[in-house]
Amino acid sequence: MASKRNRPAETDLRKLKVLAHTFLELDIEPTKISPLVVKHPFTDNGIVGIRKEDGNITVADLTSDPTSLRVWREQCGRLIDNAEKPFEIFQMITNPYKLAFLKHAAPFLSEQDMPAHIVE
């Protein structure tokens, strides 16, 4: 069994948010059935609902509309910024990217916030 790394006494939420913003800026990778299915740390679907300024939700294709992509990233970015606990950020990450995110987030996570089933 690998030895445990020294963890910070408290999670550095600011650094975790910076990391999440970095993952948010990654390109959306198309698949054979895009825009229905895409690969990205924050969405598996290229067709998403985004909130317009009037509060209504509109359907947007992130793979073909740069303006919608920008607005979607801004809205996800606000969710990241408003997170008060590491888990709130972690739950936003899509399953295929969770371990990669955790690998990069590990140096910022306290023992308490590091998932118990993760072996280093």
PDB file of N, CA and C in Angstrom:
ATOM      1  N   MET A   1       0.841  -1.171   0.000  1.00  0.00           N
ATOM      2  CA  MET A   1       0.000   0.000   0.000  1.00  0.00           C
ATOM      3  C   MET A   1       0.892   1.242   0.000  1.00  0.00           C
ATOM      4  N   ALA A   2       0.523   2.208  -0.800  1.00  0.00           N
ATOM      5  CA  ALA A   2       1.300   3.440  -0.893  1.00  0.00           C
ATOM      6  C   ALA A   2       1.142   4.251   0.383  1.00  0.00           C
ATOM      7  N   SER A   3       2.197   4.986   0.718  1.00  0.00           N
ATOM      8  CA  SER A   3       2.101   5.830   1.908  1.00  0.00           C
ATOM      9  C   SER A   3       1.263   7.066   1.602  1.00  0.00           C
ATOM     10  N   LYS A   4       0.607   7.566   2.630  1.00  0.00           N
ATOM     11  CA  LYS A   4      -0.221   8.756   2.456  1.00  0.00           C
ATOM     12  C   LYS A   4       0.666   9.982   2.343  1.00  0.00           C
ATOM     13  N   ARG A   5       0.284  10.864   1.492  1.00  0.00           N
ATOM     14  CA  ARG A   5       0.998  12.130   1.358  1.00  0.00           C
ATOM     15  C   ARG A   5       0.585  13.061   2.478  1.00  0.00           C
ATOM     16  N   ASN A   6       1.456  14.003   2.763  1.00  0.00           N
ATOM     17  CA  ASN A   6       1.083  15.027   3.731  1.00  0.00           C
ATOM     18  C   ASN A   6       0.037  15.927   3.091  1.00  0.00           C
ATOM     19  N   ARG A   7      -1.050  16.071   3.740  1.00  0.00           N
ATOM     20  CA  ARG A   7      -2.146  16.889   3.238  1.00  0.00           C
ATOM     21  C   ARG A   7      -2.173  18.210   3.986  1.00  0.00           C
ATOM     22  N   PRO A   8      -2.681  19.245   3.329  1.00  0.00           N
ATOM     23  CA  PRO A   8      -2.842  20.505   4.063  1.00  0.00           C
ATOM     24  C   PRO A   8      -3.881  20.328   5.172  1.00  0.00           C
ATOM     25  N   ALA A   9      -3.744  21.103   6.227  1.00  0.00           N
ATOM     26  CA  ALA A   9      -4.705  21.028   7.337  1.00  0.00           C
ATOM     27  C   ALA A   9      -6.099  21.409   6.872  1.00  0.00           C
ATOM     28  N   GLU A  10      -6.183  22.364   5.945  1.00  0.00           N
ATOM     29  CA  GLU A  10      -7.465  22.783   5.380  1.00  0.00           C
ATOM     30  C   GLU A  10      -7.357  22.791   3.866  1.00  0.00           C
ATOM     31  N   THR A  11      -8.440  22.461   3.221  1.00  0.00           N
ATOM     32  CA  THR A  11      -8.478  22.508   1.767  1.00  0.00           C
ATOM     33  C   THR A  11      -8.336  23.949   1.300  1.00  0.00           C
ATOM     34  N   ASP A  12      -7.532  24.135   0.261  1.00  0.00           N
ATOM     35  CA  ASP A  12      -7.366  25.460  -0.346  1.00  0.00           C
ATOM     36  C   ASP A  12      -8.433  25.608  -1.431  1.00  0.00           C
ATOM     37  N   LEU A  13      -9.591  26.098  -1.026  1.00  0.00           N
ATOM     38  CA  LEU A  13     -10.730  26.202  -1.935  1.00  0.00           C
ATOM     39  C   LEU A  13     -10.439  27.151  -3.098  1.00  0.00           C
ATOM     40  N   ARG A  14      -9.655  28.191  -2.854  1.00  0.00           N
ATOM     41  CA  ARG A  14      -9.318  29.132  -3.924  1.00  0.00           C
ATOM     42  C   ARG A  14      -8.540  28.418  -5.034  1.00  0.00           C
ATOM     43  N   LYS A  15      -7.556  27.614  -4.669  1.00  0.00           N
ATOM     44  CA  LYS A  15      -6.772  26.882  -5.678  1.00  0.00           C
ATOM     45  C   LYS A  15      -7.633  25.834  -6.379  1.00  0.00           C
ATOM     46  N   LEU A  16      -8.539  25.224  -5.650  1.00  0.00           N
ATOM     47  CA  LEU A  16      -9.447  24.246  -6.248  1.00  0.00           C
ATOM     48  C   LEU A  16     -10.337  24.916  -7.290  1.00  0.00           C
ATOM     49  N   LYS A  17     -10.780  26.123  -7.006  1.00  0.00           N
ATOM     50  CA  LYS A  17     -11.613  26.867  -7.955  1.00  0.00           C
ATOM     51  C   LYS A  17     -10.810  27.268  -9.193  1.00  0.00           C
ATOM     52  N   VAL A  18      -9.559  27.654  -9.003  1.00  0.00           N
ATOM     53  CA  VAL A  18      -8.704  27.985 -10.151  1.00  0.00           C
ATOM     54  C   VAL A  18      -8.552  26.752 -11.043  1.00  0.00           C
ATOM     55  N   LEU A  19      -8.326  25.600 -10.438  1.00  0.00           N
ATOM     56  CA  LEU A  19      -8.219  24.353 -11.195  1.00  0.00           C
ATOM     57  C   LEU A  19      -9.510  24.062 -11.949  1.00  0.00           C
ATOM     58  N   ALA A  20     -10.641  24.226 -11.287  1.00  0.00           N
ATOM     59  CA  ALA A  20     -11.935  23.973 -11.940  1.00  0.00           C
ATOM     60  C   ALA A  20     -12.136  24.916 -13.125  1.00  0.00           C
ATOM     61  N   HIS A  21     -11.752  26.175 -12.983  1.00  0.00           N
ATOM     62  CA  HIS A  21     -11.856  27.116 -14.091  1.00  0.00           C
ATOM     63  C   HIS A  21     -10.953  26.693 -15.246  1.00  0.00           C
ATOM     64  N   THR A  22      -9.806  26.145 -14.943  1.00  0.00           N
ATOM     65  CA  THR A  22      -8.905  25.655 -15.990  1.00  0.00           C
ATOM     66  C   THR A  22      -9.558  24.505 -16.752  1.00  0.00           C
ATOM     67  N   PHE A  23     -10.160  23.573 -16.015  1.00  0.00           N
ATOM     68  CA  PHE A  23     -10.857  22.454 -16.659  1.00  0.00           C
ATOM     69  C   PHE A  23     -12.043  22.966 -17.481  1.00  0.00           C
ATOM     70  N   LEU A  24     -12.716  23.992 -17.000  1.00  0.00           N
ATOM     71  CA  LEU A  24     -13.865  24.556 -17.712  1.00  0.00           C
ATOM     72  C   LEU A  24     -13.455  25.103 -19.071  1.00  0.00           C
ATOM     73  N   GLU A  25     -12.250  25.633 -19.171  1.00  0.00           N
ATOM     74  CA  GLU A  25     -11.777  26.230 -20.419  1.00  0.00           C
ATOM     75  C   GLU A  25     -11.275  25.216 -21.441  1.00  0.00           C
ATOM     76  N   LEU A  26     -11.201  23.939 -21.069  1.00  0.00           N
ATOM     77  CA  LEU A  26     -10.787  22.930 -22.039  1.00  0.00           C
ATOM     78  C   LEU A  26     -11.774  22.880 -23.203  1.00  0.00           C
ATOM     79  N   ASP A  27     -11.259  22.527 -24.360  1.00  0.00           N
ATOM     80  CA  ASP A  27     -12.117  22.424 -25.541  1.00  0.00           C
ATOM     81  C   ASP A  27     -13.146  21.317 -25.361  1.00  0.00           C
ATOM     82  N   ILE A  28     -14.290  21.529 -25.954  1.00  0.00           N
ATOM     83  CA  ILE A  28     -15.308  20.480 -26.015  1.00  0.00           C
ATOM     84  C   ILE A  28     -14.906  19.539 -27.145  1.00  0.00           C
ATOM     85  N   GLU A  29     -14.739  18.270 -26.799  1.00  0.00           N
ATOM     86  CA  GLU A  29     -14.322  17.275 -27.782  1.00  0.00           C
ATOM     87  C   GLU A  29     -15.559  16.630 -28.404  1.00  0.00           C
ATOM     88  N   PRO A  30     -15.674  16.704 -29.730  1.00  0.00           N
ATOM     89  CA  PRO A  30     -16.826  16.078 -30.384  1.00  0.00           C
ATOM     90  C   PRO A  30     -16.699  14.552 -30.393  1.00  0.00           C
ATOM     91  N   THR A  31     -17.829  13.909 -30.582  1.00  0.00           N
ATOM     92  CA  THR A  31     -17.877  12.457 -30.759  1.00  0.00           C
ATOM     93  C   THR A  31     -18.606  12.194 -32.074  1.00  0.00           C
ATOM     94  N   LYS A  32     -18.770  10.929 -32.413  1.00  0.00           N
ATOM     95  CA  LYS A  32     -19.468  10.569 -33.650  1.00  0.00           C
ATOM     96  C   LYS A  32     -20.922  11.020 -33.654  1.00  0.00           C
ATOM     97  N   ILE A  33     -21.482  11.235 -32.460  1.00  0.00           N
ATOM     98  CA  ILE A  33     -22.885  11.652 -32.392  1.00  0.00           C
ATOM     99  C   ILE A  33     -23.041  13.051 -31.793  1.00  0.00           C
ATOM    100  N   SER A  34     -22.040  13.871 -32.008  1.00  0.00           N
ATOM    101  CA  SER A  34     -22.142  15.268 -31.572  1.00  0.00           C
ATOM    102  C   SER A  34     -23.196  15.968 -32.411  1.00  0.00           C
ATOM    103  N   PRO A  35     -23.902  16.916 -31.879  1.00  0.00           N
ATOM    104  CA  PRO A  35     -23.702  17.554 -30.593  1.00  0.00           C
ATOM    105  C   PRO A  35     -24.402  16.859 -29.427  1.00  0.00           C
ATOM    106  N   LEU A  36     -25.108  15.750 -29.688  1.00  0.00           N
ATOM    107  CA  LEU A  36     -25.810  15.090 -28.579  1.00  0.00           C
ATOM    108  C   LEU A  36     -24.864  14.610 -27.496  1.00  0.00           C
ATOM    109  N   VAL A  37     -23.765  14.015 -27.870  1.00  0.00           N
ATOM    110  CA  VAL A  37     -22.791  13.520 -26.904  1.00  0.00           C
ATOM    111  C   VAL A  37     -21.436  14.143 -27.217  1.00  0.00           C
ATOM    112  N   VAL A  38     -20.839  14.762 -26.213  1.00  0.00           N
ATOM    113  CA  VAL A  38     -19.515  15.359 -26.335  1.00  0.00           C
ATOM    114  C   VAL A  38     -18.688  14.931 -25.130  1.00  0.00           C
ATOM    115  N   LYS A  39     -17.418  15.274 -25.171  1.00  0.00           N
ATOM    116  CA  LYS A  39     -16.551  14.989 -24.030  1.00  0.00           C
ATOM    117  C   LYS A  39     -16.009  16.311 -23.505  1.00  0.00           C
ATOM    118  N   HIS A  40     -16.293  16.573 -22.230  1.00  0.00           N
ATOM    119  CA  HIS A  40     -15.826  17.788 -21.574  1.00  0.00           C
ATOM    120  C   HIS A  40     -15.972  17.585 -20.064  1.00  0.00           C
ATOM    121  N   PRO A  41     -15.089  18.185 -19.271  1.00  0.00           N
ATOM    122  CA  PRO A  41     -15.183  17.996 -17.817  1.00  0.00           C
ATOM    123  C   PRO A  41     -16.491  18.468 -17.184  1.00  0.00           C
ATOM    124  N   PHE A  42     -17.229  19.364 -17.844  1.00  0.00           N
ATOM    125  CA  PHE A  42     -18.444  19.898 -17.234  1.00  0.00           C
ATOM    126  C   PHE A  42     -19.732  19.556 -17.980  1.00  0.00           C
ATOM    127  N   THR A  43     -19.622  18.821 -19.076  1.00  0.00           N
ATOM    128  CA  THR A  43     -20.839  18.397 -19.772  1.00  0.00           C
ATOM    129  C   THR A  43     -20.550  17.196 -20.662  1.00  0.00           C
ATOM    130  N   ASP A  44     -21.542  16.333 -20.759  1.00  0.00           N
ATOM    131  CA  ASP A  44     -21.489  15.200 -21.685  1.00  0.00           C
ATOM    132  C   ASP A  44     -22.364  15.472 -22.905  1.00  0.00           C
ATOM    133  N   ASN A  45     -23.046  16.620 -22.913  1.00  0.00           N
ATOM    134  CA  ASN A  45     -24.011  16.929 -23.949  1.00  0.00           C
ATOM    135  C   ASN A  45     -23.695  18.293 -24.554  1.00  0.00           C
ATOM    136  N   GLY A  46     -23.609  18.359 -25.865  1.00  0.00           N
ATOM    137  CA  GLY A  46     -23.350  19.635 -26.532  1.00  0.00           C
ATOM    138  C   GLY A  46     -24.577  20.515 -26.619  1.00  0.00           C
ATOM    139  N   ILE A  47     -25.745  19.948 -26.383  1.00  0.00           N
ATOM    140  CA  ILE A  47     -26.994  20.710 -26.361  1.00  0.00           C
ATOM    141  C   ILE A  47     -27.357  20.923 -24.895  1.00  0.00           C
ATOM    142  N   VAL A  48     -27.340  22.171 -24.460  1.00  0.00           N
ATOM    143  CA  VAL A  48     -27.589  22.470 -23.041  1.00  0.00           C
ATOM    144  C   VAL A  48     -28.595  23.608 -22.921  1.00  0.00           C
ATOM    145  N   GLY A  49     -29.129  23.740 -21.751  1.00  0.00           N
ATOM    146  CA  GLY A  49     -29.975  24.887 -21.432  1.00  0.00           C
ATOM    147  C   GLY A  49     -29.124  25.971 -20.797  1.00  0.00           C
ATOM    148  N   ILE A  50     -29.255  27.181 -21.280  1.00  0.00           N
ATOM    149  CA  ILE A  50     -28.569  28.304 -20.643  1.00  0.00           C
ATOM    150  C   ILE A  50     -29.610  29.368 -20.297  1.00  0.00           C
ATOM    151  N   ARG A  51     -29.357  30.034 -19.195  1.00  0.00           N
ATOM    152  CA  ARG A  51     -30.294  31.048 -18.723  1.00  0.00           C
ATOM    153  C   ARG A  51     -30.006  32.364 -19.425  1.00  0.00           C
ATOM    154  N   LYS A  52     -31.043  32.928 -20.031  1.00  0.00           N
ATOM    155  CA  LYS A  52     -30.920  34.231 -20.680  1.00  0.00           C
ATOM    156  C   LYS A  52     -31.028  35.330 -19.628  1.00  0.00           C
ATOM    157  N   GLU A  53     -30.714  36.550 -20.033  1.00  0.00           N
ATOM    158  CA  GLU A  53     -30.735  37.691 -19.110  1.00  0.00           C
ATOM    159  C   GLU A  53     -32.119  37.919 -18.509  1.00  0.00           C
ATOM    160  N   ASP A  54     -33.175  37.569 -19.245  1.00  0.00           N
ATOM    161  CA  ASP A  54     -34.532  37.766 -18.721  1.00  0.00           C
ATOM    162  C   ASP A  54     -34.965  36.650 -17.771  1.00  0.00           C
ATOM    163  N   GLY A  55     -34.065  35.671 -17.526  1.00  0.00           N
ATOM    164  CA  GLY A  55     -34.365  34.588 -16.603  1.00  0.00           C
ATOM    165  C   GLY A  55     -34.886  33.334 -17.269  1.00  0.00           C
ATOM    166  N   ASN A  56     -35.327  33.441 -18.507  1.00  0.00           N
ATOM    167  CA  ASN A  56     -35.810  32.268 -19.220  1.00  0.00           C
ATOM    168  C   ASN A  56     -34.636  31.396 -19.652  1.00  0.00           C
ATOM    169  N   ILE A  57     -34.937  30.126 -19.863  1.00  0.00           N
ATOM    170  CA  ILE A  57     -33.908  29.183 -20.299  1.00  0.00           C
ATOM    171  C   ILE A  57     -34.084  28.936 -21.793  1.00  0.00           C
ATOM    172  N   THR A  58     -32.971  28.920 -22.501  1.00  0.00           N
ATOM    173  CA  THR A  58     -32.986  28.644 -23.927  1.00  0.00           C
ATOM    174  C   THR A  58     -32.070  27.463 -24.206  1.00  0.00           C
ATOM    175  N   VAL A  59     -32.349  26.752 -25.272  1.00  0.00           N
ATOM    176  CA  VAL A  59     -31.534  25.617 -25.677  1.00  0.00           C
ATOM    177  C   VAL A  59     -30.400  26.133 -26.557  1.00  0.00           C
ATOM    178  N   ALA A  60     -29.188  25.651 -26.293  1.00  0.00           N
ATOM    179  CA  ALA A  60     -28.022  26.125 -27.028  1.00  0.00           C
ATOM    180  C   ALA A  60     -27.150  24.947 -27.448  1.00  0.00           C
ATOM    181  N   ASP A  61     -26.542  25.085 -28.627  1.00  0.00           N
ATOM    182  CA  ASP A  61     -25.594  24.095 -29.132  1.00  0.00           C
ATOM    183  C   ASP A  61     -24.187  24.627 -28.887  1.00  0.00           C
ATOM    184  N   LEU A  62     -23.508  24.061 -27.913  1.00  0.00           N
ATOM    185  CA  LEU A  62     -22.173  24.526 -27.545  1.00  0.00           C
ATOM    186  C   LEU A  62     -21.130  24.223 -28.615  1.00  0.00           C
ATOM    187  N   THR A  63     -21.440  23.291 -29.507  1.00  0.00           N
ATOM    188  CA  THR A  63     -20.467  22.887 -30.517  1.00  0.00           C
ATOM    189  C   THR A  63     -20.469  23.784 -31.749  1.00  0.00           C
ATOM    190  N   SER A  64     -21.511  24.594 -31.912  1.00  0.00           N
ATOM    191  CA  SER A  64     -21.585  25.402 -33.137  1.00  0.00           C
ATOM    192  C   SER A  64     -21.845  26.884 -32.890  1.00  0.00           C
ATOM    193  N   ASP A  65     -22.064  27.270 -31.650  1.00  0.00           N
ATOM    194  CA  ASP A  65     -22.394  28.663 -31.352  1.00  0.00           C
ATOM    195  C   ASP A  65     -21.428  29.226 -30.315  1.00  0.00           C
ATOM    196  N   PRO A  66     -20.404  29.963 -30.750  1.00  0.00           N
ATOM    197  CA  PRO A  66     -19.413  30.497 -29.809  1.00  0.00           C
ATOM    198  C   PRO A  66     -20.012  31.393 -28.722  1.00  0.00           C
ATOM    199  N   THR A  67     -21.069  32.123 -29.042  1.00  0.00           N
ATOM    200  CA  THR A  67     -21.692  32.987 -28.040  1.00  0.00           C
ATOM    201  C   THR A  67     -22.333  32.148 -26.943  1.00  0.00           C
ATOM    202  N   SER A  68     -23.036  31.098 -27.326  1.00  0.00           N
ATOM    203  CA  SER A  68     -23.641  30.206 -26.337  1.00  0.00           C
ATOM    204  C   SER A  68     -22.570  29.529 -25.493  1.00  0.00           C
ATOM    205  N   LEU A  69     -21.479  29.131 -26.117  1.00  0.00           N
ATOM    206  CA  LEU A  69     -20.384  28.505 -25.381  1.00  0.00           C
ATOM    207  C   LEU A  69     -19.816  29.470 -24.342  1.00  0.00           C
ATOM    208  N   ARG A  70     -19.640  30.716 -24.719  1.00  0.00           N
ATOM    209  CA  ARG A  70     -19.116  31.730 -23.797  1.00  0.00           C
ATOM    210  C   ARG A  70     -20.074  31.932 -22.616  1.00  0.00           C
ATOM    211  N   VAL A  71     -21.375  32.054 -22.920  1.00  0.00           N
ATOM    212  CA  VAL A  71     -22.380  32.257 -21.869  1.00  0.00           C
ATOM    213  C   VAL A  71     -22.432  31.037 -20.943  1.00  0.00           C
ATOM    214  N   TRP A  72     -22.394  29.848 -21.520  1.00  0.00           N
ATOM    215  CA  TRP A  72     -22.413  28.619 -20.717  1.00  0.00           C
ATOM    216  C   TRP A  72     -21.201  28.579 -19.785  1.00  0.00           C
ATOM    217  N   ARG A  73     -20.033  28.904 -20.312  1.00  0.00           N
ATOM    218  CA  ARG A  73     -18.827  28.917 -19.476  1.00  0.00           C
ATOM    219  C   ARG A  73     -18.934  29.962 -18.365  1.00  0.00           C
ATOM    220  N   GLU A  74     -19.490  31.122 -18.680  1.00  0.00           N
ATOM    221  CA  GLU A  74     -19.681  32.153 -17.648  1.00  0.00           C
ATOM    222  C   GLU A  74     -20.608  31.645 -16.548  1.00  0.00           C
ATOM    223  N   GLN A  75     -21.699  30.973 -16.948  1.00  0.00           N
ATOM    224  CA  GLN A  75     -22.652  30.467 -15.959  1.00  0.00           C
ATOM    225  C   GLN A  75     -22.040  29.353 -15.118  1.00  0.00           C
ATOM    226  N   CYS A  76     -21.302  28.447 -15.745  1.00  0.00           N
ATOM    227  CA  CYS A  76     -20.613  27.402 -14.979  1.00  0.00           C
ATOM    228  C   CYS A  76     -19.557  28.018 -14.076  1.00  0.00           C
ATOM    229  N   GLY A  77     -18.878  29.038 -14.576  1.00  0.00           N
ATOM    230  CA  GLY A  77     -17.861  29.721 -13.787  1.00  0.00           C
ATOM    231  C   GLY A  77     -18.435  30.339 -12.525  1.00  0.00           C
ATOM    232  N   ARG A  78     -19.631  30.893 -12.624  1.00  0.00           N
ATOM    233  CA  ARG A  78     -20.275  31.461 -11.432  1.00  0.00           C
ATOM    234  C   ARG A  78     -20.613  30.369 -10.417  1.00  0.00           C
ATOM    235  N   LEU A  79     -21.025  29.203 -10.914  1.00  0.00           N
ATOM    236  CA  LEU A  79     -21.302  28.080 -10.003  1.00  0.00           C
ATOM    237  C   LEU A  79     -20.024  27.666  -9.273  1.00  0.00           C
ATOM    238  N   ILE A  80     -18.923  27.634  -9.995  1.00  0.00           N
ATOM    239  CA  ILE A  80     -17.630  27.313  -9.374  1.00  0.00           C
ATOM    240  C   ILE A  80     -17.296  28.369  -8.328  1.00  0.00           C
ATOM    241  N   ASP A  81     -17.402  29.631  -8.712  1.00  0.00           N
ATOM    242  CA  ASP A  81     -17.058  30.731  -7.800  1.00  0.00           C
ATOM    243  C   ASP A  81     -17.920  30.733  -6.544  1.00  0.00           C
ATOM    244  N   ASN A  82     -19.173  30.311  -6.662  1.00  0.00           N
ATOM    245  CA  ASN A  82     -20.100  30.328  -5.530  1.00  0.00           C
ATOM    246  C   ASN A  82     -20.009  29.091  -4.648  1.00  0.00           C
ATOM    247  N   ALA A  83     -19.226  28.088  -5.081  1.00  0.00           N
ATOM    248  CA  ALA A  83     -19.096  26.864  -4.288  1.00  0.00           C
ATOM    249  C   ALA A  83     -18.465  27.187  -2.936  1.00  0.00           C
ATOM    250  N   GLU A  84     -19.022  26.613  -1.902  1.00  0.00           N
ATOM    251  CA  GLU A  84     -18.513  26.819  -0.551  1.00  0.00           C
ATOM    252  C   GLU A  84     -17.772  25.606  -0.017  1.00  0.00           C
ATOM    253  N   LYS A  85     -17.931  24.468  -0.678  1.00  0.00           N
ATOM    254  CA  LYS A  85     -17.288  23.230  -0.256  1.00  0.00           C
ATOM    255  C   LYS A  85     -16.686  22.535  -1.482  1.00  0.00           C
ATOM    256  N   PRO A  86     -15.586  21.820  -1.301  1.00  0.00           N
ATOM    257  CA  PRO A  86     -14.963  21.117  -2.429  1.00  0.00           C
ATOM    258  C   PRO A  86     -15.921  20.173  -3.147  1.00  0.00           C
ATOM    259  N   PHE A  87     -16.798  19.508  -2.377  1.00  0.00           N
ATOM    260  CA  PHE A  87     -17.733  18.570  -2.988  1.00  0.00           C
ATOM    261  C   PHE A  87     -18.645  19.250  -4.006  1.00  0.00           C
ATOM    262  N   GLU A  88     -18.992  20.506  -3.779  1.00  0.00           N
ATOM    263  CA  GLU A  88     -19.861  21.228  -4.707  1.00  0.00           C
ATOM    264  C   GLU A  88     -19.188  21.372  -6.072  1.00  0.00           C
ATOM    265  N   ILE A  89     -17.886  21.513  -6.077  1.00  0.00           N
ATOM    266  CA  ILE A  89     -17.148  21.589  -7.342  1.00  0.00           C
ATOM    267  C   ILE A  89     -17.020  20.198  -7.938  1.00  0.00           C
ATOM    268  N   PHE A  90     -16.630  19.228  -7.118  1.00  0.00           N
ATOM    269  CA  PHE A  90     -16.419  17.867  -7.589  1.00  0.00           C
ATOM    270  C   PHE A  90     -17.670  17.294  -8.241  1.00  0.00           C
ATOM    271  N   GLN A  91     -18.838  17.600  -7.707  1.00  0.00           N
ATOM    272  CA  GLN A  91     -20.072  17.047  -8.272  1.00  0.00           C
ATOM    273  C   GLN A  91     -20.415  17.648  -9.632  1.00  0.00           C
ATOM    274  N   MET A  92     -19.810  18.771  -9.988  1.00  0.00           N
ATOM    275  CA  MET A  92     -20.030  19.370 -11.311  1.00  0.00           C
ATOM    276  C   MET A  92     -19.236  18.659 -12.410  1.00  0.00           C
ATOM    277  N   ILE A  93     -18.184  17.957 -12.026  1.00  0.00           N
ATOM    278  CA  ILE A  93     -17.307  17.310 -12.992  1.00  0.00           C
ATOM    279  C   ILE A  93     -17.968  16.041 -13.513  1.00  0.00           C
ATOM    280  N   THR A  94     -17.916  15.835 -14.828  1.00  0.00           N
ATOM    281  CA  THR A  94     -18.509  14.633 -15.419  1.00  0.00           C
ATOM    282  C   THR A  94     -17.680  13.406 -15.034  1.00  0.00           C
ATOM    283  N   ASN A  95     -18.326  12.263 -15.009  1.00  0.00           N
ATOM    284  CA  ASN A  95     -17.675  11.035 -14.549  1.00  0.00           C
ATOM    285  C   ASN A  95     -16.357  10.719 -15.255  1.00  0.00           C
ATOM    286  N   PRO A  96     -16.262  10.826 -16.572  1.00  0.00           N
ATOM    287  CA  PRO A  96     -14.988  10.477 -17.214  1.00  0.00           C
ATOM    288  C   PRO A  96     -13.808  11.352 -16.780  1.00  0.00           C
ATOM    289  N   TYR A  97     -14.078  12.513 -16.210  1.00  0.00           N
ATOM    290  CA  TYR A  97     -13.018  13.448 -15.827  1.00  0.00           C
ATOM    291  C   TYR A  97     -12.782  13.517 -14.314  1.00  0.00           C
ATOM    292  N   LYS A  98     -13.587  12.817 -13.526  1.00  0.00           N
ATOM    293  CA  LYS A  98     -13.481  12.930 -12.068  1.00  0.00           C
ATOM    294  C   LYS A  98     -12.096  12.542 -11.541  1.00  0.00           C
ATOM    295  N   LEU A  99     -11.558  11.433 -11.987  1.00  0.00           N
ATOM    296  CA  LEU A  99     -10.253  11.010 -11.473  1.00  0.00           C
ATOM    297  C   LEU A  99      -9.139  11.950 -11.908  1.00  0.00           C
ATOM    298  N   ALA A 100      -9.197  12.438 -13.137  1.00  0.00           N
ATOM    299  CA  ALA A 100      -8.184  13.396 -13.597  1.00  0.00           C
ATOM    300  C   ALA A 100      -8.258  14.675 -12.763  1.00  0.00           C
ATOM    301  N   PHE A 101      -9.468  15.141 -12.501  1.00  0.00           N
ATOM    302  CA  PHE A 101      -9.627  16.340 -11.682  1.00  0.00           C
ATOM    303  C   PHE A 101      -9.086  16.089 -10.276  1.00  0.00           C
ATOM    304  N   LEU A 102      -9.419  14.936  -9.714  1.00  0.00           N
ATOM    305  CA  LEU A 102      -8.972  14.603  -8.371  1.00  0.00           C
ATOM    306  C   LEU A 102      -7.448  14.502  -8.296  1.00  0.00           C
ATOM    307  N   LYS A 103      -6.845  13.958  -9.341  1.00  0.00           N
ATOM    308  CA  LYS A 103      -5.381  13.851  -9.383  1.00  0.00           C
ATOM    309  C   LYS A 103      -4.741  15.234  -9.264  1.00  0.00           C
ATOM    310  N   HIS A 104      -5.280  16.196  -9.996  1.00  0.00           N
ATOM    311  CA  HIS A 104      -4.723  17.548  -9.979  1.00  0.00           C
ATOM    312  C   HIS A 104      -5.147  18.328  -8.731  1.00  0.00           C
ATOM    313  N   ALA A 105      -6.283  17.950  -8.159  1.00  0.00           N
ATOM    314  CA  ALA A 105      -6.793  18.643  -6.977  1.00  0.00           C
ATOM    315  C   ALA A 105      -6.181  18.128  -5.684  1.00  0.00           C
ATOM    316  N   ALA A 106      -5.636  16.930  -5.696  1.00  0.00           N
ATOM    317  CA  ALA A 106      -5.151  16.281  -4.476  1.00  0.00           C
ATOM    318  C   ALA A 106      -4.223  17.155  -3.636  1.00  0.00           C
ATOM    319  N   PRO A 107      -3.281  17.893  -4.221  1.00  0.00           N
ATOM    320  CA  PRO A 107      -2.387  18.706  -3.382  1.00  0.00           C
ATOM    321  C   PRO A 107      -3.103  19.812  -2.596  1.00  0.00           C
ATOM    322  N   PHE A 108      -4.316  20.151  -3.005  1.00  0.00           N
ATOM    323  CA  PHE A 108      -5.050  21.238  -2.354  1.00  0.00           C
ATOM    324  C   PHE A 108      -6.077  20.729  -1.352  1.00  0.00           C
ATOM    325  N   LEU A 109      -6.289  19.410  -1.310  1.00  0.00           N
ATOM    326  CA  LEU A 109      -7.354  18.835  -0.493  1.00  0.00           C
ATOM    327  C   LEU A 109      -6.838  18.362   0.857  1.00  0.00           C
ATOM    328  N   SER A 110      -7.563  18.701   1.897  1.00  0.00           N
ATOM    329  CA  SER A 110      -7.248  18.188   3.230  1.00  0.00           C
ATOM    330  C   SER A 110      -7.608  16.709   3.277  1.00  0.00           C
ATOM    331  N   GLU A 111      -7.105  16.029   4.287  1.00  0.00           N
ATOM    332  CA  GLU A 111      -7.434  14.613   4.474  1.00  0.00           C
ATOM    333  C   GLU A 111      -8.946  14.434   4.563  1.00  0.00           C
ATOM    334  N   GLN A 112      -9.612  15.348   5.231  1.00  0.00           N
ATOM    335  CA  GLN A 112     -11.060  15.286   5.410  1.00  0.00           C
ATOM    336  C   GLN A 112     -11.806  15.390   4.078  1.00  0.00           C
ATOM    337  N   ASP A 113     -11.304  16.200   3.150  1.00  0.00           N
ATOM    338  CA  ASP A 113     -11.999  16.413   1.887  1.00  0.00           C
ATOM    339  C   ASP A 113     -11.580  15.450   0.789  1.00  0.00           C
ATOM    340  N   MET A 114     -10.488  14.713   0.988  1.00  0.00           N
ATOM    341  CA  MET A 114     -10.050  13.744   0.001  1.00  0.00           C
ATOM    342  C   MET A 114     -10.938  12.507   0.106  1.00  0.00           C
ATOM    343  N   PRO A 115     -11.542  12.067  -1.000  1.00  0.00           N
ATOM    344  CA  PRO A 115     -12.400  10.890  -0.927  1.00  0.00           C
ATOM    345  C   PRO A 115     -11.644   9.697  -0.329  1.00  0.00           C
ATOM    346  N   ALA A 116     -12.273   9.019   0.591  1.00  0.00           N
ATOM    347  CA  ALA A 116     -11.629   7.943   1.341  1.00  0.00           C
ATOM    348  C   ALA A 116     -11.233   6.768   0.462  1.00  0.00           C
ATOM    349  N   HIS A 117     -11.943   6.534  -0.617  1.00  0.00           N
ATOM    350  CA  HIS A 117     -11.658   5.364  -1.447  1.00  0.00           C
ATOM    351  C   HIS A 117     -10.536   5.607  -2.455  1.00  0.00           C
ATOM    352  N   ILE A 118      -9.967   6.787  -2.471  1.00  0.00           N
ATOM    353  CA  ILE A 118      -8.879   7.094  -3.399  1.00  0.00           C
ATOM    354  C   ILE A 118      -7.560   6.684  -2.754  1.00  0.00           C
ATOM    355  N   VAL A 119      -6.837   5.819  -3.430  1.00  0.00           N
ATOM    356  CA  VAL A 119      -5.534   5.374  -2.950  1.00  0.00           C
ATOM    357  C   VAL A 119      -4.471   6.108  -3.748  1.00  0.00           C
ATOM    358  N   GLU A 120      -3.522   6.678  -3.052  1.00  0.00           N
ATOM    359  CA  GLU A 120      -2.455   7.402  -3.730  1.00  0.00           C
ATOM    360  C   GLU A 120      -1.244   6.523  -3.885  1.00  0.00           C
TER     361      GLU A 120
END
